[in-house]
Structure formats: structure tokens, C-alpha cells
Amino acid sequence: MTTHLLRSRPAPTADPELGTNPLLEVQVNQTDDGLGDEWAGDIRRMLCPWVTSHRGSVDAMADLLAMDRPTFDRRLKSRGTSYRALADEIRFEVACRLLKDTEMSLSQIAAALGYSEASAFTRAFRGWSGQAPSVWRAAH
């Protein structure tokens, strides 16, 4: 995780007596612009262990990043995603790894991903992949 996630950067202000510093403005703008995919990628990396430990609430993630929930939601939206979409991507990736690389039952995988029942996991997996987890496992 990069350190810029954990600190909040105040909006740059110009001192009327000093004027603006074009070089500083360019650096700030480049830094902000550079957060796009990297920032969302950092969130994805942080979500992976949270998803499997069932601690992954959006409010907790926003708190961890020292920002309020609306700001967190706006930043994700500006990058074309949402917390739920990222969490679902992570769940799908982890589910695929578990289906492919382990002999775990669907109930065990469902529990590992925080689903209360295997049927809920099966519905979610079908929505992600278009097929039941057992069919996906047999094909891979």
C-alpha cells in the first residue's frame, strides 16, 4: 500500500502576496491524477484479506483511509467503480482460486467468503460467472 492513501492532503491554497507557483500546481495535479488505477488497486489489495475475514465494511475501509464515507464513495466513483463492485471482484477471484486449487466443499468456500449459506454463494457465483460453481470447478 502506498503512503498517500493514509494521509489526507489539504487543498492547495495560494498566498495572495506570494502568487501562485506553477511548478507546485503541476506537481499537485500530477500526483492527484496519478492516483487513478493505483489507488483503486491499493483498495483491492487491502480488501482481499478483509473479504475472507468478514471485516470488509465500507465504513471501516473509509475510516482506515482517514476519510469520510461520502469522500471515499466519490473517489471510487470517479474511478468508475464502487466498494461493492471491488469487494465482489475480490470474492469472485478468491472463489475461483478456492474452487480450482482446493478440494473445499461449496459450503466451506461459502463460509470462507462470508456467506451464511452455500445457496447464497452459488447465486452470487452464478451472477459473476454465468455458471454454477460446481460447473465452473469441473471446467477448470
N, C-alpha and C. Protein backbone atom coordinates (compact mmCIF):
# COMPACT_ATOMS: atom_id res chain seq x y z
N MET A 1 0.85 -1.17 0.00
CA MET A 1 0.00 0.00 0.00
C MET A 1 0.90 1.23 0.00
N THR A 2 0.51 2.21 -0.75
CA THR A 2 1.31 3.42 -0.81
C THR A 2 0.90 4.36 0.30
N THR A 3 1.82 5.20 0.71
CA THR A 3 1.56 6.06 1.86
C THR A 3 0.56 7.16 1.57
N HIS A 4 0.36 7.52 0.31
CA HIS A 4 -0.57 8.61 0.04
C HIS A 4 -2.01 8.23 0.37
N LEU A 5 -2.30 6.96 0.58
CA LEU A 5 -3.65 6.56 0.95
C LEU A 5 -3.98 6.96 2.39
N LEU A 6 -2.99 6.95 3.25
CA LEU A 6 -3.25 7.13 4.67
C LEU A 6 -3.16 8.57 5.13
N ARG A 7 -2.76 9.47 4.29
CA ARG A 7 -2.69 10.85 4.72
C ARG A 7 -3.69 11.66 3.91
N SER A 8 -4.26 12.62 4.55
CA SER A 8 -5.17 13.48 3.81
C SER A 8 -4.39 14.72 3.40
N ARG A 9 -4.58 15.12 2.18
CA ARG A 9 -3.85 16.25 1.64
C ARG A 9 -4.81 17.43 1.57
N PRO A 10 -4.49 18.53 2.27
CA PRO A 10 -5.36 19.70 2.18
C PRO A 10 -5.31 20.28 0.78
N ALA A 11 -6.38 20.91 0.42
CA ALA A 11 -6.41 21.55 -0.90
C ALA A 11 -5.37 22.66 -0.94
N PRO A 12 -4.60 22.74 -2.03
CA PRO A 12 -3.59 23.79 -2.10
C PRO A 12 -4.25 25.15 -2.17
N THR A 13 -3.69 26.09 -1.43
CA THR A 13 -4.20 27.45 -1.47
C THR A 13 -3.08 28.38 -1.86
N ALA A 14 -3.41 29.41 -2.54
CA ALA A 14 -2.40 30.39 -2.97
C ALA A 14 -2.35 31.53 -1.97
N ASP A 15 -1.17 31.93 -1.65
CA ASP A 15 -0.98 33.11 -0.79
C ASP A 15 -1.06 34.33 -1.71
N PRO A 16 -2.01 35.25 -1.48
CA PRO A 16 -2.18 36.38 -2.39
C PRO A 16 -0.91 37.22 -2.53
N GLU A 17 -0.10 37.28 -1.47
CA GLU A 17 1.12 38.07 -1.55
C GLU A 17 2.22 37.37 -2.34
N LEU A 18 2.23 36.05 -2.30
CA LEU A 18 3.27 35.30 -2.99
C LEU A 18 2.87 34.92 -4.41
N GLY A 19 1.60 34.92 -4.69
CA GLY A 19 1.13 34.50 -6.01
C GLY A 19 1.08 32.98 -6.07
N THR A 20 0.82 32.45 -7.25
CA THR A 20 0.79 31.00 -7.39
C THR A 20 2.12 30.51 -7.89
N ASN A 21 2.40 29.28 -7.58
CA ASN A 21 3.63 28.65 -8.02
C ASN A 21 3.25 27.60 -9.08
N PRO A 22 3.45 27.91 -10.36
CA PRO A 22 3.03 26.98 -11.41
C PRO A 22 3.65 25.59 -11.28
N LEU A 23 4.92 25.52 -10.88
CA LEU A 23 5.58 24.22 -10.73
C LEU A 23 4.91 23.39 -9.65
N LEU A 24 4.57 24.02 -8.52
CA LEU A 24 3.89 23.33 -7.44
C LEU A 24 2.51 22.84 -7.89
N GLU A 25 1.79 23.70 -8.61
CA GLU A 25 0.47 23.31 -9.10
C GLU A 25 0.55 22.10 -10.02
N VAL A 26 1.56 22.05 -10.89
CA VAL A 26 1.73 20.92 -11.80
C VAL A 26 2.00 19.65 -11.00
N GLN A 27 2.87 19.74 -9.99
CA GLN A 27 3.20 18.57 -9.17
C GLN A 27 1.97 18.05 -8.43
N VAL A 28 1.19 18.95 -7.86
CA VAL A 28 -0.02 18.53 -7.15
C VAL A 28 -0.99 17.88 -8.12
N ASN A 29 -1.18 18.49 -9.28
CA ASN A 29 -2.11 17.92 -10.25
C ASN A 29 -1.63 16.57 -10.75
N GLN A 30 -0.34 16.40 -10.99
CA GLN A 30 0.17 15.12 -11.44
C GLN A 30 0.00 14.07 -10.36
N THR A 31 0.21 14.42 -9.12
CA THR A 31 0.04 13.48 -8.01
C THR A 31 -1.41 13.04 -7.93
N ASP A 32 -2.33 13.99 -7.97
CA ASP A 32 -3.74 13.63 -7.91
C ASP A 32 -4.14 12.78 -9.10
N ASP A 33 -3.70 13.15 -10.29
CA ASP A 33 -4.05 12.39 -11.48
C ASP A 33 -3.46 10.99 -11.43
N GLY A 34 -2.32 10.83 -10.80
CA GLY A 34 -1.66 9.54 -10.76
C GLY A 34 -2.29 8.55 -9.80
N LEU A 35 -3.29 8.96 -9.04
CA LEU A 35 -3.90 8.05 -8.07
C LEU A 35 -4.91 7.10 -8.69
N GLY A 36 -5.34 7.35 -9.91
CA GLY A 36 -6.41 6.59 -10.54
C GLY A 36 -6.39 5.11 -10.28
N ASP A 37 -5.78 4.36 -11.16
CA ASP A 37 -5.78 2.91 -11.06
C ASP A 37 -4.97 2.44 -9.86
N GLU A 38 -3.92 3.16 -9.52
CA GLU A 38 -3.09 2.76 -8.38
C GLU A 38 -3.90 2.79 -7.09
N TRP A 39 -4.69 3.83 -6.91
CA TRP A 39 -5.49 3.98 -5.70
C TRP A 39 -6.51 2.85 -5.60
N ALA A 40 -7.24 2.60 -6.67
CA ALA A 40 -8.22 1.52 -6.66
C ALA A 40 -7.53 0.18 -6.48
N GLY A 41 -6.33 0.01 -7.05
CA GLY A 41 -5.56 -1.22 -6.85
C GLY A 41 -5.16 -1.40 -5.40
N ASP A 42 -4.79 -0.31 -4.75
CA ASP A 42 -4.46 -0.39 -3.33
C ASP A 42 -5.68 -0.82 -2.52
N ILE A 43 -6.83 -0.29 -2.86
CA ILE A 43 -8.05 -0.67 -2.16
C ILE A 43 -8.32 -2.17 -2.39
N ARG A 44 -8.14 -2.63 -3.61
CA ARG A 44 -8.34 -4.06 -3.90
C ARG A 44 -7.41 -4.94 -3.06
N ARG A 45 -6.14 -4.54 -2.97
CA ARG A 45 -5.18 -5.33 -2.18
C ARG A 45 -5.57 -5.34 -0.70
N MET A 46 -6.08 -4.23 -0.21
CA MET A 46 -6.50 -4.17 1.18
C MET A 46 -7.77 -4.99 1.41
N LEU A 47 -8.62 -5.06 0.41
CA LEU A 47 -9.88 -5.77 0.55
C LEU A 47 -9.71 -7.28 0.61
N CYS A 48 -8.71 -7.81 -0.05
CA CYS A 48 -8.58 -9.26 -0.14
C CYS A 48 -8.60 -9.93 1.23
N PRO A 49 -7.75 -9.56 2.17
CA PRO A 49 -7.84 -10.20 3.48
C PRO A 49 -9.11 -9.83 4.24
N TRP A 50 -9.66 -8.64 3.98
CA TRP A 50 -10.88 -8.23 4.67
C TRP A 50 -12.06 -9.08 4.25
N VAL A 51 -12.13 -9.39 2.96
CA VAL A 51 -13.25 -10.19 2.45
C VAL A 51 -13.26 -11.56 3.10
N THR A 52 -12.10 -12.16 3.24
CA THR A 52 -12.05 -13.50 3.80
C THR A 52 -12.09 -13.51 5.33
N SER A 53 -11.94 -12.36 5.95
CA SER A 53 -12.07 -12.32 7.41
C SER A 53 -13.39 -11.64 7.83
N HIS A 54 -14.22 -11.31 6.88
CA HIS A 54 -15.56 -10.76 7.12
C HIS A 54 -15.53 -9.41 7.82
N ARG A 55 -14.47 -8.65 7.66
CA ARG A 55 -14.39 -7.34 8.29
C ARG A 55 -14.53 -6.22 7.27
N GLY A 56 -14.88 -6.52 6.07
CA GLY A 56 -14.77 -5.57 4.99
C GLY A 56 -15.89 -4.58 4.82
N SER A 57 -16.30 -3.88 5.87
CA SER A 57 -17.36 -2.90 5.67
C SER A 57 -16.79 -1.64 5.02
N VAL A 58 -17.62 -0.98 4.25
CA VAL A 58 -17.20 0.23 3.56
C VAL A 58 -16.85 1.32 4.57
N ASP A 59 -17.58 1.42 5.66
CA ASP A 59 -17.28 2.44 6.67
C ASP A 59 -15.93 2.19 7.32
N ALA A 60 -15.62 0.93 7.60
CA ALA A 60 -14.32 0.60 8.21
C ALA A 60 -13.18 0.93 7.26
N MET A 61 -13.37 0.67 5.96
CA MET A 61 -12.32 0.98 4.99
C MET A 61 -12.12 2.49 4.88
N ALA A 62 -13.20 3.23 4.84
CA ALA A 62 -13.09 4.69 4.78
C ALA A 62 -12.38 5.22 6.03
N ASP A 63 -12.72 4.68 7.19
CA ASP A 63 -12.05 5.09 8.43
C ASP A 63 -10.56 4.78 8.37
N LEU A 64 -10.22 3.61 7.88
CA LEU A 64 -8.82 3.22 7.77
C LEU A 64 -8.04 4.20 6.90
N LEU A 65 -8.69 4.71 5.87
CA LEU A 65 -8.04 5.64 4.95
C LEU A 65 -8.17 7.09 5.40
N ALA A 66 -8.70 7.30 6.58
CA ALA A 66 -8.84 8.63 7.16
C ALA A 66 -9.65 9.57 6.27
N MET A 67 -10.76 9.06 5.79
CA MET A 67 -11.66 9.93 5.01
C MET A 67 -13.09 9.56 5.36
N ASP A 68 -13.98 10.49 5.13
CA ASP A 68 -15.37 10.19 5.43
C ASP A 68 -15.97 9.35 4.30
N ARG A 69 -17.07 8.73 4.60
CA ARG A 69 -17.69 7.80 3.66
C ARG A 69 -18.05 8.45 2.32
N PRO A 70 -18.68 9.64 2.31
CA PRO A 70 -19.00 10.24 1.01
C PRO A 70 -17.77 10.51 0.15
N THR A 71 -16.68 10.93 0.77
CA THR A 71 -15.45 11.18 0.01
C THR A 71 -14.92 9.88 -0.56
N PHE A 72 -14.90 8.85 0.24
CA PHE A 72 -14.45 7.54 -0.21
C PHE A 72 -15.30 7.06 -1.39
N ASP A 73 -16.61 7.15 -1.26
CA ASP A 73 -17.51 6.75 -2.34
C ASP A 73 -17.26 7.56 -3.61
N ARG A 74 -17.07 8.88 -3.45
CA ARG A 74 -16.82 9.74 -4.61
C ARG A 74 -15.53 9.36 -5.32
N ARG A 75 -14.48 9.09 -4.55
CA ARG A 75 -13.20 8.72 -5.16
C ARG A 75 -13.32 7.42 -5.95
N LEU A 76 -14.01 6.45 -5.40
CA LEU A 76 -14.20 5.20 -6.14
C LEU A 76 -15.05 5.44 -7.38
N LYS A 77 -16.11 6.23 -7.23
CA LYS A 77 -16.99 6.51 -8.37
C LYS A 77 -16.24 7.22 -9.48
N SER A 78 -15.35 8.15 -9.11
CA SER A 78 -14.59 8.88 -10.13
C SER A 78 -13.64 7.95 -10.89
N ARG A 79 -13.36 6.80 -10.32
CA ARG A 79 -12.52 5.80 -10.98
C ARG A 79 -13.35 4.70 -11.61
N GLY A 80 -14.66 4.93 -11.68
CA GLY A 80 -15.55 4.01 -12.38
C GLY A 80 -15.88 2.75 -11.62
N THR A 81 -15.82 2.79 -10.30
CA THR A 81 -16.12 1.59 -9.53
C THR A 81 -16.81 1.97 -8.23
N SER A 82 -17.09 0.98 -7.43
CA SER A 82 -17.70 1.18 -6.12
C SER A 82 -17.09 0.16 -5.16
N TYR A 83 -17.30 0.38 -3.89
CA TYR A 83 -16.78 -0.55 -2.89
C TYR A 83 -17.38 -1.93 -3.11
N ARG A 84 -18.66 -1.98 -3.33
CA ARG A 84 -19.33 -3.27 -3.54
C ARG A 84 -18.78 -3.99 -4.76
N ALA A 85 -18.56 -3.25 -5.85
CA ALA A 85 -18.03 -3.87 -7.06
C ALA A 85 -16.63 -4.43 -6.81
N LEU A 86 -15.79 -3.67 -6.11
CA LEU A 86 -14.45 -4.16 -5.80
C LEU A 86 -14.50 -5.39 -4.89
N ALA A 87 -15.36 -5.33 -3.87
CA ALA A 87 -15.50 -6.47 -2.96
C ALA A 87 -15.99 -7.70 -3.70
N ASP A 88 -16.94 -7.53 -4.61
CA ASP A 88 -17.44 -8.66 -5.40
C ASP A 88 -16.36 -9.23 -6.32
N GLU A 89 -15.55 -8.35 -6.91
CA GLU A 89 -14.44 -8.84 -7.75
C GLU A 89 -13.48 -9.69 -6.93
N ILE A 90 -13.17 -9.22 -5.73
CA ILE A 90 -12.26 -9.96 -4.86
C ILE A 90 -12.88 -11.30 -4.47
N ARG A 91 -14.15 -11.28 -4.08
CA ARG A 91 -14.82 -12.54 -3.72
C ARG A 91 -14.79 -13.52 -4.88
N PHE A 92 -15.05 -13.03 -6.08
CA PHE A 92 -15.04 -13.90 -7.25
C PHE A 92 -13.65 -14.48 -7.48
N GLU A 93 -12.62 -13.65 -7.40
CA GLU A 93 -11.25 -14.13 -7.61
C GLU A 93 -10.87 -15.17 -6.57
N VAL A 94 -11.20 -14.90 -5.31
CA VAL A 94 -10.87 -15.84 -4.25
C VAL A 94 -11.66 -17.13 -4.44
N ALA A 95 -12.93 -17.00 -4.78
CA ALA A 95 -13.77 -18.19 -5.01
C ALA A 95 -13.19 -19.04 -6.13
N CYS A 96 -12.76 -18.41 -7.21
CA CYS A 96 -12.18 -19.16 -8.33
C CYS A 96 -10.91 -19.89 -7.89
N ARG A 97 -10.07 -19.21 -7.13
CA ARG A 97 -8.84 -19.86 -6.64
C ARG A 97 -9.17 -21.06 -5.76
N LEU A 98 -10.14 -20.89 -4.86
CA LEU A 98 -10.51 -21.98 -3.97
C LEU A 98 -11.14 -23.14 -4.72
N LEU A 99 -11.97 -22.82 -5.70
CA LEU A 99 -12.59 -23.89 -6.50
C LEU A 99 -11.55 -24.65 -7.32
N LYS A 100 -10.61 -23.91 -7.86
CA LYS A 100 -9.61 -24.51 -8.75
C LYS A 100 -8.50 -25.23 -7.99
N ASP A 101 -8.04 -24.65 -6.90
CA ASP A 101 -6.82 -25.14 -6.24
C ASP A 101 -7.04 -25.95 -4.98
N THR A 102 -8.30 -26.10 -4.55
CA THR A 102 -8.55 -26.87 -3.33
C THR A 102 -9.66 -27.88 -3.55
N GLU A 103 -9.82 -28.72 -2.57
CA GLU A 103 -10.91 -29.70 -2.57
C GLU A 103 -12.04 -29.24 -1.63
N MET A 104 -12.01 -27.97 -1.22
CA MET A 104 -13.02 -27.47 -0.29
C MET A 104 -14.42 -27.63 -0.88
N SER A 105 -15.37 -27.94 -0.01
CA SER A 105 -16.76 -28.04 -0.45
C SER A 105 -17.31 -26.65 -0.71
N LEU A 106 -18.43 -26.59 -1.41
CA LEU A 106 -19.06 -25.29 -1.66
C LEU A 106 -19.47 -24.63 -0.35
N SER A 107 -19.91 -25.40 0.61
CA SER A 107 -20.27 -24.84 1.92
C SER A 107 -19.06 -24.22 2.61
N GLN A 108 -17.91 -24.88 2.52
CA GLN A 108 -16.70 -24.34 3.13
C GLN A 108 -16.25 -23.05 2.43
N ILE A 109 -16.33 -23.05 1.11
CA ILE A 109 -15.95 -21.85 0.36
C ILE A 109 -16.91 -20.71 0.68
N ALA A 110 -18.20 -21.02 0.73
CA ALA A 110 -19.20 -20.01 1.07
C ALA A 110 -18.90 -19.41 2.44
N ALA A 111 -18.61 -20.24 3.40
CA ALA A 111 -18.30 -19.75 4.75
C ALA A 111 -17.02 -18.92 4.75
N ALA A 112 -16.01 -19.34 4.00
CA ALA A 112 -14.75 -18.60 3.93
C ALA A 112 -14.95 -17.21 3.35
N LEU A 113 -15.92 -17.06 2.48
CA LEU A 113 -16.18 -15.76 1.84
C LEU A 113 -17.26 -14.96 2.56
N GLY A 114 -17.76 -15.47 3.68
CA GLY A 114 -18.71 -14.72 4.48
C GLY A 114 -20.17 -14.94 4.14
N TYR A 115 -20.48 -15.93 3.33
CA TYR A 115 -21.88 -16.23 3.01
C TYR A 115 -22.45 -17.14 4.08
N SER A 116 -23.68 -16.90 4.48
CA SER A 116 -24.30 -17.69 5.53
C SER A 116 -24.73 -19.06 5.04
N GLU A 117 -24.96 -19.18 3.74
CA GLU A 117 -25.38 -20.46 3.17
C GLU A 117 -24.72 -20.68 1.81
N ALA A 118 -24.52 -21.94 1.47
CA ALA A 118 -23.93 -22.28 0.18
C ALA A 118 -24.82 -21.80 -0.97
N SER A 119 -26.13 -21.79 -0.75
CA SER A 119 -27.04 -21.36 -1.83
C SER A 119 -26.84 -19.88 -2.16
N ALA A 120 -26.56 -19.07 -1.16
CA ALA A 120 -26.31 -17.64 -1.41
C ALA A 120 -25.01 -17.48 -2.20
N PHE A 121 -24.00 -18.24 -1.84
CA PHE A 121 -22.74 -18.21 -2.58
C PHE A 121 -22.96 -18.68 -4.02
N THR A 122 -23.72 -19.74 -4.20
CA THR A 122 -23.99 -20.26 -5.55
C THR A 122 -24.68 -19.22 -6.41
N ARG A 123 -25.66 -18.51 -5.84
CA ARG A 123 -26.36 -17.45 -6.59
C ARG A 123 -25.38 -16.34 -6.98
N ALA A 124 -24.55 -15.93 -6.03
CA ALA A 124 -23.58 -14.87 -6.32
C ALA A 124 -22.59 -15.32 -7.39
N PHE A 125 -22.08 -16.53 -7.27
CA PHE A 125 -21.11 -17.03 -8.24
C PHE A 125 -21.74 -17.14 -9.63
N ARG A 126 -22.97 -17.58 -9.68
CA ARG A 126 -23.67 -17.67 -10.96
C ARG A 126 -23.83 -16.28 -11.59
N GLY A 127 -24.07 -15.28 -10.77
CA GLY A 127 -24.17 -13.92 -11.27
C GLY A 127 -22.84 -13.41 -11.81
N TRP A 128 -21.73 -13.79 -11.17
CA TRP A 128 -20.41 -13.35 -11.60
C TRP A 128 -19.94 -14.05 -12.86
N SER A 129 -20.17 -15.37 -12.92
CA SER A 129 -19.57 -16.16 -14.00
C SER A 129 -20.56 -16.68 -15.02
N GLY A 130 -21.83 -16.66 -14.68
CA GLY A 130 -22.83 -17.20 -15.59
C GLY A 130 -23.03 -18.71 -15.45
N GLN A 131 -22.34 -19.32 -14.49
CA GLN A 131 -22.49 -20.76 -14.27
C GLN A 131 -22.35 -21.09 -12.80
N ALA A 132 -22.86 -22.24 -12.44
CA ALA A 132 -22.78 -22.68 -11.05
C ALA A 132 -21.32 -22.98 -10.69
N PRO A 133 -20.96 -22.81 -9.42
CA PRO A 133 -19.58 -23.08 -9.02
C PRO A 133 -19.13 -24.51 -9.31
N SER A 134 -20.02 -25.47 -9.18
CA SER A 134 -19.65 -26.87 -9.46
C SER A 134 -19.34 -27.06 -10.94
N VAL A 135 -20.07 -26.39 -11.80
CA VAL A 135 -19.82 -26.47 -13.25
C VAL A 135 -18.49 -25.78 -13.56
N TRP A 136 -18.26 -24.62 -12.97
CA TRP A 136 -17.01 -23.89 -13.19
C TRP A 136 -15.82 -24.74 -12.72
N ARG A 137 -15.95 -25.36 -11.55
CA ARG A 137 -14.87 -26.19 -11.00
C ARG A 137 -14.56 -27.36 -11.95
N ALA A 138 -15.57 -27.99 -12.48
CA ALA A 138 -15.36 -29.13 -13.38
C ALA A 138 -14.66 -28.69 -14.67
N ALA A 139 -14.91 -27.48 -15.12
CA ALA A 139 -14.31 -26.99 -16.37
C ALA A 139 -12.88 -26.50 -16.17
N HIS A 140 -12.49 -26.24 -14.93
CA HIS A 140 -11.16 -25.70 -14.69
C HIS A 140 -10.35 -26.65 -13.86
